[in-house]
Amino acid sequence: MSHKTGIVFTVKETADGVPYLHMEFHDKIPGLQDEPPAFDLKPGTNIAKAEEIAKYLNENLAAYRPLPSRPTHGFQTFVK
C-alpha cells in the first residue's frame, strides 16, 4: 500500500486578489514535495465560491496518496 496523508483545502488569494485552493498536508511522507500543491479556479470564481469548493472537498476527500500511486491491498489489478 502506498503512503498517504490527511489533507485540508484552504482558500488563498494571489497578489491580484484572485482566489485559489491550497492543499495542506497533515503528515510527512518520504519524497513528498515541501510545498503543497495549489489549484487555480476558473476565471471569475469569487472568494465565496472558492470557500464552497474547499468545504466540499474537505467534506468528501479523506486522504492524498502522492508516490507511488499503488492500489490498496486486495484491489483487483488484472482483468479476468
PDB file of N, CA and C in Angstrom:
ATOM      1  N   MET A   1       0.854  -1.172   0.000  1.00  0.00           N
ATOM      2  CA  MET A   1       0.000   0.000   0.000  1.00  0.00           C
ATOM      3  C   MET A   1       0.898   1.234   0.000  1.00  0.00           C
ATOM      4  N   SER A   2       0.508   2.268  -0.702  1.00  0.00           N
ATOM      5  CA  SER A   2       1.304   3.481  -0.775  1.00  0.00           C
ATOM      6  C   SER A   2       1.078   4.344   0.455  1.00  0.00           C
ATOM      7  N   HIS A   3       2.020   5.235   0.705  1.00  0.00           N
ATOM      8  CA  HIS A   3       1.868   6.198   1.783  1.00  0.00           C
ATOM      9  C   HIS A   3       0.704   7.127   1.475  1.00  0.00           C
ATOM     10  N   LYS A   4       0.071   7.642   2.524  1.00  0.00           N
ATOM     11  CA  LYS A   4      -0.971   8.640   2.303  1.00  0.00           C
ATOM     12  C   LYS A   4      -0.950   9.633   3.449  1.00  0.00           C
ATOM     13  N   THR A   5      -1.513  10.794   3.206  1.00  0.00           N
ATOM     14  CA  THR A   5      -1.559  11.852   4.197  1.00  0.00           C
ATOM     15  C   THR A   5      -2.954  12.457   4.236  1.00  0.00           C
ATOM     16  N   GLY A   6      -3.354  12.878   5.410  1.00  0.00           N
ATOM     17  CA  GLY A   6      -4.583  13.644   5.518  1.00  0.00           C
ATOM     18  C   GLY A   6      -4.361  15.004   4.874  1.00  0.00           C
ATOM     19  N   ILE A   7      -5.415  15.596   4.382  1.00  0.00           N
ATOM     20  CA  ILE A   7      -5.299  16.874   3.684  1.00  0.00           C
ATOM     21  C   ILE A   7      -6.398  17.827   4.133  1.00  0.00           C
ATOM     22  N   VAL A   8      -6.124  19.106   3.944  1.00  0.00           N
ATOM     23  CA  VAL A   8      -7.117  20.151   4.174  1.00  0.00           C
ATOM     24  C   VAL A   8      -6.950  21.169   3.051  1.00  0.00           C
ATOM     25  N   PHE A   9      -8.070  21.552   2.449  1.00  0.00           N
ATOM     26  CA  PHE A   9      -8.051  22.594   1.427  1.00  0.00           C
ATOM     27  C   PHE A   9      -8.395  23.928   2.073  1.00  0.00           C
ATOM     28  N   THR A  10      -7.593  24.938   1.784  1.00  0.00           N
ATOM     29  CA  THR A  10      -7.867  26.290   2.240  1.00  0.00           C
ATOM     30  C   THR A  10      -7.890  27.200   1.021  1.00  0.00           C
ATOM     31  N   VAL A  11      -8.477  28.370   1.189  1.00  0.00           N
ATOM     32  CA  VAL A  11      -8.549  29.344   0.102  1.00  0.00           C
ATOM     33  C   VAL A  11      -7.503  30.421   0.352  1.00  0.00           C
ATOM     34  N   LYS A  12      -6.746  30.725  -0.667  1.00  0.00           N
ATOM     35  CA  LYS A  12      -5.753  31.796  -0.618  1.00  0.00           C
ATOM     36  C   LYS A  12      -6.021  32.713  -1.805  1.00  0.00           C
ATOM     37  N   GLU A  13      -5.347  33.855  -1.804  1.00  0.00           N
ATOM     38  CA  GLU A  13      -5.501  34.821  -2.903  1.00  0.00           C
ATOM     39  C   GLU A  13      -4.144  35.208  -3.461  1.00  0.00           C
ATOM     40  N   THR A  14      -4.123  35.425  -4.766  1.00  0.00           N
ATOM     41  CA  THR A  14      -2.909  35.946  -5.399  1.00  0.00           C
ATOM     42  C   THR A  14      -2.786  37.430  -5.042  1.00  0.00           C
ATOM     43  N   ALA A  15      -1.680  38.031  -5.411  1.00  0.00           N
ATOM     44  CA  ALA A  15      -1.477  39.465  -5.161  1.00  0.00           C
ATOM     45  C   ALA A  15      -2.556  40.301  -5.849  1.00  0.00           C
ATOM     46  N   ASP A  16      -3.146  39.753  -6.926  1.00  0.00           N
ATOM     47  CA  ASP A  16      -4.201  40.456  -7.660  1.00  0.00           C
ATOM     48  C   ASP A  16      -5.587  40.204  -7.068  1.00  0.00           C
ATOM     49  N   GLY A  17      -5.656  39.437  -5.983  1.00  0.00           N
ATOM     50  CA  GLY A  17      -6.944  39.155  -5.357  1.00  0.00           C
ATOM     51  C   GLY A  17      -7.715  38.005  -5.980  1.00  0.00           C
ATOM     52  N   VAL A  18      -7.043  37.181  -6.780  1.00  0.00           N
ATOM     53  CA  VAL A  18      -7.693  36.040  -7.417  1.00  0.00           C
ATOM     54  C   VAL A  18      -7.603  34.836  -6.472  1.00  0.00           C
ATOM     55  N   PRO A  19      -8.735  34.236  -6.098  1.00  0.00           N
ATOM     56  CA  PRO A  19      -8.682  33.101  -5.173  1.00  0.00           C
ATOM     57  C   PRO A  19      -8.178  31.828  -5.834  1.00  0.00           C
ATOM     58  N   TYR A  20      -7.508  31.005  -5.039  1.00  0.00           N
ATOM     59  CA  TYR A  20      -7.087  29.678  -5.483  1.00  0.00           C
ATOM     60  C   TYR A  20      -7.143  28.739  -4.286  1.00  0.00           C
ATOM     61  N   LEU A  21      -7.121  27.440  -4.548  1.00  0.00           N
ATOM     62  CA  LEU A  21      -7.154  26.454  -3.478  1.00  0.00           C
ATOM     63  C   LEU A  21      -5.738  25.999  -3.162  1.00  0.00           C
ATOM     64  N   HIS A  22      -5.483  25.838  -1.876  1.00  0.00           N
ATOM     65  CA  HIS A  22      -4.186  25.399  -1.379  1.00  0.00           C
ATOM     66  C   HIS A  22      -4.426  24.103  -0.615  1.00  0.00           C
ATOM     67  N   MET A  23      -3.713  23.027  -0.972  1.00  0.00           N
ATOM     68  CA  MET A  23      -3.892  21.744  -0.310  1.00  0.00           C
ATOM     69  C   MET A  23      -2.770  21.545   0.706  1.00  0.00           C
ATOM     70  N   GLU A  24      -3.142  21.504   1.990  1.00  0.00           N
ATOM     71  CA  GLU A  24      -2.162  21.340   3.060  1.00  0.00           C
ATOM     72  C   GLU A  24      -2.088  19.874   3.478  1.00  0.00           C
ATOM     73  N   PHE A  25      -0.865  19.398   3.720  1.00  0.00           N
ATOM     74  CA  PHE A  25      -0.643  18.017   4.135  1.00  0.00           C
ATOM     75  C   PHE A  25      -0.602  17.921   5.656  1.00  0.00           C
ATOM     76  N   HIS A  26      -1.085  16.807   6.216  1.00  0.00           N
ATOM     77  CA  HIS A  26      -1.038  16.576   7.653  1.00  0.00           C
ATOM     78  C   HIS A  26       0.156  15.733   8.074  1.00  0.00           C
ATOM     79  N   ASP A  27       0.731  14.968   7.164  1.00  0.00           N
ATOM     80  CA  ASP A  27       1.773  14.008   7.514  1.00  0.00           C
ATOM     81  C   ASP A  27       3.011  14.205   6.664  1.00  0.00           C
ATOM     82  N   LYS A  28       4.153  13.767   7.203  1.00  0.00           N
ATOM     83  CA  LYS A  28       5.416  13.766   6.456  1.00  0.00           C
ATOM     84  C   LYS A  28       5.525  12.430   5.731  1.00  0.00           C
ATOM     85  N   ILE A  29       5.764  12.486   4.427  1.00  0.00           N
ATOM     86  CA  ILE A  29       5.915  11.290   3.612  1.00  0.00           C
ATOM     87  C   ILE A  29       7.231  11.413   2.849  1.00  0.00           C
ATOM     88  N   PRO A  30       8.055  10.365   2.858  1.00  0.00           N
ATOM     89  CA  PRO A  30       9.306  10.417   2.101  1.00  0.00           C
ATOM     90  C   PRO A  30       9.042  10.720   0.624  1.00  0.00           C
ATOM     91  N   GLY A  31       9.757  11.704   0.082  1.00  0.00           N
ATOM     92  CA  GLY A  31       9.621  12.051  -1.325  1.00  0.00           C
ATOM     93  C   GLY A  31       8.528  13.066  -1.630  1.00  0.00           C
ATOM     94  N   LEU A  32       7.743  13.434  -0.628  1.00  0.00           N
ATOM     95  CA  LEU A  32       6.671  14.413  -0.840  1.00  0.00           C
ATOM     96  C   LEU A  32       7.267  15.806  -0.928  1.00  0.00           C
ATOM     97  N   GLN A  33       6.821  16.594  -1.871  1.00  0.00           N
ATOM     98  CA  GLN A  33       7.362  17.940  -2.046  1.00  0.00           C
ATOM     99  C   GLN A  33       7.140  18.771  -0.784  1.00  0.00           C
ATOM    100  N   ASP A  34       8.026  19.750  -0.561  1.00  0.00           N
ATOM    101  CA  ASP A  34       7.916  20.616   0.615  1.00  0.00           C
ATOM    102  C   ASP A  34       6.708  21.535   0.530  1.00  0.00           C
ATOM    103  N   GLU A  35       6.482  22.075  -0.628  1.00  0.00           N
ATOM    104  CA  GLU A  35       5.353  22.995  -0.818  1.00  0.00           C
ATOM    105  C   GLU A  35       4.143  22.245  -1.350  1.00  0.00           C
ATOM    106  N   PRO A  36       3.017  22.341  -0.667  1.00  0.00           N
ATOM    107  CA  PRO A  36       1.805  21.665  -1.139  1.00  0.00           C
ATOM    108  C   PRO A  36       1.309  22.252  -2.460  1.00  0.00           C
ATOM    109  N   PRO A  37       0.537  21.475  -3.208  1.00  0.00           N
ATOM    110  CA  PRO A  37       0.022  21.961  -4.479  1.00  0.00           C
ATOM    111  C   PRO A  37      -1.023  23.055  -4.306  1.00  0.00           C
ATOM    112  N   ALA A  38      -1.145  23.863  -5.324  1.00  0.00           N
ATOM    113  CA  ALA A  38      -2.174  24.895  -5.393  1.00  0.00           C
ATOM    114  C   ALA A  38      -2.999  24.633  -6.644  1.00  0.00           C
ATOM    115  N   PHE A  39      -4.282  24.934  -6.571  1.00  0.00           N
ATOM    116  CA  PHE A  39      -5.193  24.683  -7.684  1.00  0.00           C
ATOM    117  C   PHE A  39      -5.834  25.992  -8.112  1.00  0.00           C
ATOM    118  N   ASP A  40      -5.624  26.366  -9.375  1.00  0.00           N
ATOM    119  CA  ASP A  40      -6.271  27.557  -9.921  1.00  0.00           C
ATOM    120  C   ASP A  40      -7.730  27.231 -10.214  1.00  0.00           C
ATOM    121  N   LEU A  41      -8.577  28.190  -9.947  1.00  0.00           N
ATOM    122  CA  LEU A  41     -10.003  28.039 -10.209  1.00  0.00           C
ATOM    123  C   LEU A  41     -10.350  28.734 -11.524  1.00  0.00           C
ATOM    124  N   LYS A  42     -11.505  28.414 -12.039  1.00  0.00           N
ATOM    125  CA  LYS A  42     -11.925  29.023 -13.307  1.00  0.00           C
ATOM    126  C   LYS A  42     -12.020  30.542 -13.151  1.00  0.00           C
ATOM    127  N   PRO A  43     -11.682  31.272 -14.224  1.00  0.00           N
ATOM    128  CA  PRO A  43     -11.769  32.731 -14.169  1.00  0.00           C
ATOM    129  C   PRO A  43     -13.166  33.179 -13.732  1.00  0.00           C
ATOM    130  N   GLY A  44     -13.199  34.188 -12.880  1.00  0.00           N
ATOM    131  CA  GLY A  44     -14.468  34.730 -12.403  1.00  0.00           C
ATOM    132  C   GLY A  44     -14.943  34.116 -11.095  1.00  0.00           C
ATOM    133  N   THR A  45     -14.254  33.072 -10.607  1.00  0.00           N
ATOM    134  CA  THR A  45     -14.647  32.459  -9.333  1.00  0.00           C
ATOM    135  C   THR A  45     -14.341  33.443  -8.202  1.00  0.00           C
ATOM    136  N   ASN A  46     -15.347  33.736  -7.382  1.00  0.00           N
ATOM    137  CA  ASN A  46     -15.130  34.664  -6.275  1.00  0.00           C
ATOM    138  C   ASN A  46     -14.752  33.906  -5.001  1.00  0.00           C
ATOM    139  N   ILE A  47     -14.430  34.646  -3.948  1.00  0.00           N
ATOM    140  CA  ILE A  47     -13.999  34.039  -2.682  1.00  0.00           C
ATOM    141  C   ILE A  47     -15.079  33.127  -2.107  1.00  0.00           C
ATOM    142  N   ALA A  48     -16.319  33.555  -2.148  1.00  0.00           N
ATOM    143  CA  ALA A  48     -17.414  32.746  -1.586  1.00  0.00           C
ATOM    144  C   ALA A  48     -17.516  31.400  -2.297  1.00  0.00           C
ATOM    145  N   LYS A  49     -17.423  31.407  -3.607  1.00  0.00           N
ATOM    146  CA  LYS A  49     -17.490  30.156  -4.374  1.00  0.00           C
ATOM    147  C   LYS A  49     -16.252  29.300  -4.084  1.00  0.00           C
ATOM    148  N   ALA A  50     -15.084  29.915  -3.978  1.00  0.00           N
ATOM    149  CA  ALA A  50     -13.853  29.182  -3.671  1.00  0.00           C
ATOM    150  C   ALA A  50     -13.975  28.500  -2.301  1.00  0.00           C
ATOM    151  N   GLU A  51     -14.542  29.183  -1.322  1.00  0.00           N
ATOM    152  CA  GLU A  51     -14.726  28.598   0.011  1.00  0.00           C
ATOM    153  C   GLU A  51     -15.729  27.451  -0.029  1.00  0.00           C
ATOM    154  N   GLU A  52     -16.740  27.576  -0.874  1.00  0.00           N
ATOM    155  CA  GLU A  52     -17.716  26.494  -1.048  1.00  0.00           C
ATOM    156  C   GLU A  52     -17.038  25.250  -1.642  1.00  0.00           C
ATOM    157  N   ILE A  53     -16.168  25.450  -2.622  1.00  0.00           N
ATOM    158  CA  ILE A  53     -15.442  24.342  -3.242  1.00  0.00           C
ATOM    159  C   ILE A  53     -14.516  23.685  -2.215  1.00  0.00           C
ATOM    160  N   ALA A  54     -13.781  24.492  -1.456  1.00  0.00           N
ATOM    161  CA  ALA A  54     -12.881  23.951  -0.431  1.00  0.00           C
ATOM    162  C   ALA A  54     -13.672  23.164   0.609  1.00  0.00           C
ATOM    163  N   LYS A  55     -14.800  23.673   1.031  1.00  0.00           N
ATOM    164  CA  LYS A  55     -15.635  22.975   2.015  1.00  0.00           C
ATOM    165  C   LYS A  55     -16.089  21.625   1.460  1.00  0.00           C
ATOM    166  N   TYR A  56     -16.526  21.608   0.213  1.00  0.00           N
ATOM    167  CA  TYR A  56     -16.967  20.365  -0.421  1.00  0.00           C
ATOM    168  C   TYR A  56     -15.833  19.330  -0.451  1.00  0.00           C
ATOM    169  N   LEU A  57     -14.653  19.758  -0.864  1.00  0.00           N
ATOM    170  CA  LEU A  57     -13.510  18.848  -0.931  1.00  0.00           C
ATOM    171  C   LEU A  57     -13.135  18.333   0.454  1.00  0.00           C
ATOM    172  N   ASN A  58     -13.130  19.210   1.455  1.00  0.00           N
ATOM    173  CA  ASN A  58     -12.789  18.797   2.819  1.00  0.00           C
ATOM    174  C   ASN A  58     -13.796  17.810   3.382  1.00  0.00           C
ATOM    175  N   GLU A  59     -15.043  17.929   2.992  1.00  0.00           N
ATOM    176  CA  GLU A  59     -16.078  17.009   3.472  1.00  0.00           C
ATOM    177  C   GLU A  59     -16.062  15.664   2.752  1.00  0.00           C
ATOM    178  N   ASN A  60     -15.462  15.606   1.569  1.00  0.00           N
ATOM    179  CA  ASN A  60     -15.556  14.400   0.753  1.00  0.00           C
ATOM    180  C   ASN A  60     -14.247  13.683   0.451  1.00  0.00           C
ATOM    181  N   LEU A  61     -13.120  14.309   0.682  1.00  0.00           N
ATOM    182  CA  LEU A  61     -11.828  13.665   0.444  1.00  0.00           C
ATOM    183  C   LEU A  61     -11.193  13.321   1.780  1.00  0.00           C
ATOM    184  N   ALA A  62     -10.704  12.091   1.913  1.00  0.00           N
ATOM    185  CA  ALA A  62     -10.129  11.635   3.174  1.00  0.00           C
ATOM    186  C   ALA A  62      -8.611  11.733   3.202  1.00  0.00           C
ATOM    187  N   ALA A  63      -7.960  11.483   2.074  1.00  0.00           N
ATOM    188  CA  ALA A  63      -6.500  11.439   2.073  1.00  0.00           C
ATOM    189  C   ALA A  63      -5.972  11.633   0.659  1.00  0.00           C
ATOM    190  N   TYR A  64      -4.674  11.843   0.585  1.00  0.00           N
ATOM    191  CA  TYR A  64      -3.957  12.023  -0.678  1.00  0.00           C
ATOM    192  C   TYR A  64      -2.809  11.015  -0.684  1.00  0.00           C
ATOM    193  N   ARG A  65      -2.681  10.243  -1.786  1.00  0.00           N
ATOM    194  CA  ARG A  65      -1.592   9.272  -1.961  1.00  0.00           C
ATOM    195  C   ARG A  65      -0.705   9.749  -3.098  1.00  0.00           C
ATOM    196  N   PRO A  66       0.412  10.406  -2.780  1.00  0.00           N
ATOM    197  CA  PRO A  66       1.225  11.000  -3.834  1.00  0.00           C
ATOM    198  C   PRO A  66       2.122  10.033  -4.590  1.00  0.00           C
ATOM    199  N   LEU A  67       3.004   9.299  -3.917  1.00  0.00           N
ATOM    200  CA  LEU A  67       4.001   8.465  -4.576  1.00  0.00           C
ATOM    201  C   LEU A  67       4.179   7.169  -3.822  1.00  0.00           C
ATOM    202  N   PRO A  68       4.297   6.068  -4.407  1.00  0.00           N
ATOM    203  CA  PRO A  68       3.723   5.754  -5.711  1.00  0.00           C
ATOM    204  C   PRO A  68       2.227   5.538  -5.567  1.00  0.00           C
ATOM    205  N   SER A  69       1.536   5.687  -6.617  1.00  0.00           N
ATOM    206  CA  SER A  69       0.087   5.542  -6.578  1.00  0.00           C
ATOM    207  C   SER A  69      -0.282   4.091  -6.845  1.00  0.00           C
ATOM    208  N   ARG A  70      -0.107   3.266  -5.836  1.00  0.00           N
ATOM    209  CA  ARG A  70      -0.433   1.846  -5.956  1.00  0.00           C
ATOM    210  C   ARG A  70      -1.795   1.585  -5.344  1.00  0.00           C
ATOM    211  N   PRO A  71      -2.547   0.670  -5.900  1.00  0.00           N
ATOM    212  CA  PRO A  71      -3.835   0.320  -5.300  1.00  0.00           C
ATOM    213  C   PRO A  71      -3.634  -0.275  -3.914  1.00  0.00           C
ATOM    214  N   THR A  72      -4.609  -0.139  -3.063  1.00  0.00           N
ATOM    215  CA  THR A  72      -4.531  -0.731  -1.736  1.00  0.00           C
ATOM    216  C   THR A  72      -4.633  -2.243  -1.832  1.00  0.00           C
ATOM    217  N   HIS A  73      -4.248  -2.939  -0.776  1.00  0.00           N
ATOM    218  CA  HIS A  73      -4.266  -4.392  -0.725  1.00  0.00           C
ATOM    219  C   HIS A  73      -5.656  -4.921  -1.068  1.00  0.00           C
ATOM    220  N   GLY A  74      -5.717  -5.932  -1.897  1.00  0.00           N
ATOM    221  CA  GLY A  74      -6.977  -6.555  -2.253  1.00  0.00           C
ATOM    222  C   GLY A  74      -7.653  -5.961  -3.482  1.00  0.00           C
ATOM    223  N   PHE A  75      -7.085  -4.898  -4.033  1.00  0.00           N
ATOM    224  CA  PHE A  75      -7.653  -4.290  -5.225  1.00  0.00           C
ATOM    225  C   PHE A  75      -7.318  -5.139  -6.435  1.00  0.00           C
ATOM    226  N   GLN A  76      -8.282  -5.422  -7.274  1.00  0.00           N
ATOM    227  CA  GLN A  76      -8.054  -6.240  -8.452  1.00  0.00           C
ATOM    228  C   GLN A  76      -7.231  -5.462  -9.460  1.00  0.00           C
ATOM    229  N   THR A  77      -6.084  -6.019  -9.833  1.00  0.00           N
ATOM    230  CA  THR A  77      -5.182  -5.323 -10.761  1.00  0.00           C
ATOM    231  C   THR A  77      -5.127  -5.990 -12.129  1.00  0.00           C
ATOM    232  N   PHE A  78      -5.942  -6.998 -12.364  1.00  0.00           N
ATOM    233  CA  PHE A  78      -5.959  -7.651 -13.659  1.00  0.00           C
ATOM    234  C   PHE A  78      -7.405  -7.893 -14.077  1.00  0.00           C
ATOM    235  N   VAL A  79      -7.583  -8.096 -15.360  1.00  0.00           N
ATOM    236  CA  VAL A  79      -8.916  -8.353 -15.909  1.00  0.00           C
ATOM    237  C   VAL A  79      -9.096  -9.843 -16.071  1.00  0.00           C
ATOM    238  N   LYS A  80     -10.192 -10.363 -15.582  1.00  0.00           N
ATOM    239  CA  LYS A  80     -10.464 -11.804 -15.699  1.00  0.00           C
ATOM    240  C   LYS A  80     -11.028 -12.133 -17.059  1.00  0.00           C
TER     241      LYS A  80
END
